[in-house]
Amino acid sequence: MIEHQQQEGILKIVFNRPEKKNSFTGAMYRELRELLIAGDQDPAVKVILLSGAGNTFSAGNDIQDFINSPITLEDAPPLIYLGLLQSSKSR
């Protein structure tokens, strides 16, 4: 559901669920987290570019996925993602 490639210092991450307007599932949050951590720690990566497949960046959360997979505050993928963005180093 997430594609990525690294070329010439750019890590391009593409949300690839155009049929669902690239809405995020818990699995996508976890995968995005790992990609962002790897990109942040890789000195060859100078830019991380986020984009969505099709005509939509992202419609937000996939509500049905979150209903089917209840989460606790400690493992809430959106909160983990926001914490990662906050702690990411600036270059």
Protein backbone atom coordinates (compact mmCIF):
# COMPACT_ATOMS: atom_id res chain seq x y z
CA MET A 1 0.00 0.00 0.00
CA ILE A 2 3.06 2.24 0.28
CA GLU A 3 5.70 2.36 -2.42
CA HIS A 4 9.09 3.98 -2.04
CA GLN A 5 12.26 4.62 -3.95
CA GLN A 6 15.47 6.45 -3.22
CA GLN A 7 17.38 8.30 -5.89
CA GLU A 8 19.84 11.20 -5.87
CA GLY A 9 19.28 12.03 -2.21
CA ILE A 10 15.48 11.93 -2.44
CA LEU A 11 13.39 9.31 -0.68
CA LYS A 12 10.03 9.31 -2.45
CA ILE A 13 7.18 7.69 -0.52
CA VAL A 14 3.89 7.15 -2.36
CA PHE A 15 0.62 6.20 -0.66
CA ASN A 16 -0.87 3.74 -3.15
CA ARG A 17 -4.55 3.16 -2.39
CA PRO A 18 -6.17 5.43 -4.96
CA GLU A 19 -9.39 3.39 -4.87
CA LYS A 20 -9.72 4.42 -1.19
CA LYS A 21 -8.33 7.93 -1.74
CA ASN A 22 -5.09 6.76 -0.10
CA SER A 23 -6.76 6.55 3.31
CA PHE A 24 -4.42 5.22 5.98
CA THR A 25 -4.69 1.85 7.66
CA GLY A 26 -2.83 0.91 10.83
CA ALA A 27 -0.42 -1.14 8.70
CA MET A 28 0.30 1.88 6.52
CA TYR A 29 1.12 4.02 9.56
CA ARG A 30 3.54 1.35 10.77
CA GLU A 31 5.17 1.04 7.33
CA LEU A 32 5.43 4.82 6.97
CA ARG A 33 7.02 5.05 10.39
CA GLU A 34 9.72 2.55 9.42
CA LEU A 35 10.41 4.34 6.12
CA LEU A 36 10.68 7.73 7.84
CA ILE A 37 13.04 6.40 10.50
CA ALA A 38 15.22 4.75 7.84
CA GLY A 39 15.26 7.92 5.75
CA ASP A 40 16.05 10.10 8.74
CA GLN A 41 18.99 7.88 9.70
CA ASP A 42 20.40 7.54 6.17
CA PRO A 43 22.96 10.30 5.50
CA ALA A 44 22.42 9.87 1.74
CA VAL A 45 18.80 11.02 2.10
CA LYS A 46 18.52 14.80 1.91
CA VAL A 47 14.79 15.08 1.17
CA ILE A 48 11.78 12.94 1.99
CA LEU A 49 8.92 13.48 -0.47
CA LEU A 50 5.44 12.23 0.44
CA SER A 51 2.79 11.90 -2.27
CA GLY A 52 -0.42 10.06 -3.02
CA ALA A 53 -1.27 7.94 -6.05
CA GLY A 54 -4.07 9.20 -8.24
CA ASN A 55 -5.71 12.56 -7.64
CA THR A 56 -5.66 12.53 -3.83
CA PHE A 57 -2.82 12.91 -1.35
CA SER A 58 -4.82 11.19 1.42
CA ALA A 59 -8.37 11.29 2.69
CA GLY A 60 -7.13 10.58 6.23
CA ASN A 61 -7.76 7.41 8.18
CA ASP A 62 -9.51 4.36 6.83
CA ILE A 63 -12.31 4.33 9.41
CA GLN A 64 -13.33 0.73 8.67
CA ASP A 65 -9.79 -0.49 9.31
CA PHE A 66 -9.66 1.32 12.65
CA ILE A 67 -13.08 -0.09 13.62
CA ASN A 68 -11.92 -3.61 12.75
CA SER A 69 -8.60 -3.21 14.58
CA PRO A 70 -9.18 -1.26 17.80
CA ILE A 71 -6.07 0.40 19.19
CA THR A 72 -4.99 1.65 22.57
CA LEU A 73 -3.51 5.05 23.22
CA GLU A 74 -0.04 3.52 23.61
CA ASP A 75 0.00 1.92 20.15
CA ALA A 76 -2.12 4.43 18.23
CA PRO A 77 -0.47 4.63 14.78
CA PRO A 78 -1.40 8.30 14.20
CA LEU A 79 0.14 9.32 17.53
CA ILE A 80 3.28 7.29 16.86
CA TYR A 81 3.58 8.96 13.45
CA LEU A 82 3.16 12.46 14.90
CA GLY A 83 5.73 11.72 17.60
CA LEU A 84 8.16 10.57 14.94
CA LEU A 85 7.72 13.78 12.97
CA GLN A 86 8.30 15.82 16.11
CA SER A 87 11.50 13.97 17.01
CA SER A 88 12.90 13.87 13.46
CA LYS A 89 16.15 15.72 13.08
CA SER A 90 16.40 18.73 10.80
CA ARG A 91 19.07 18.91 8.14
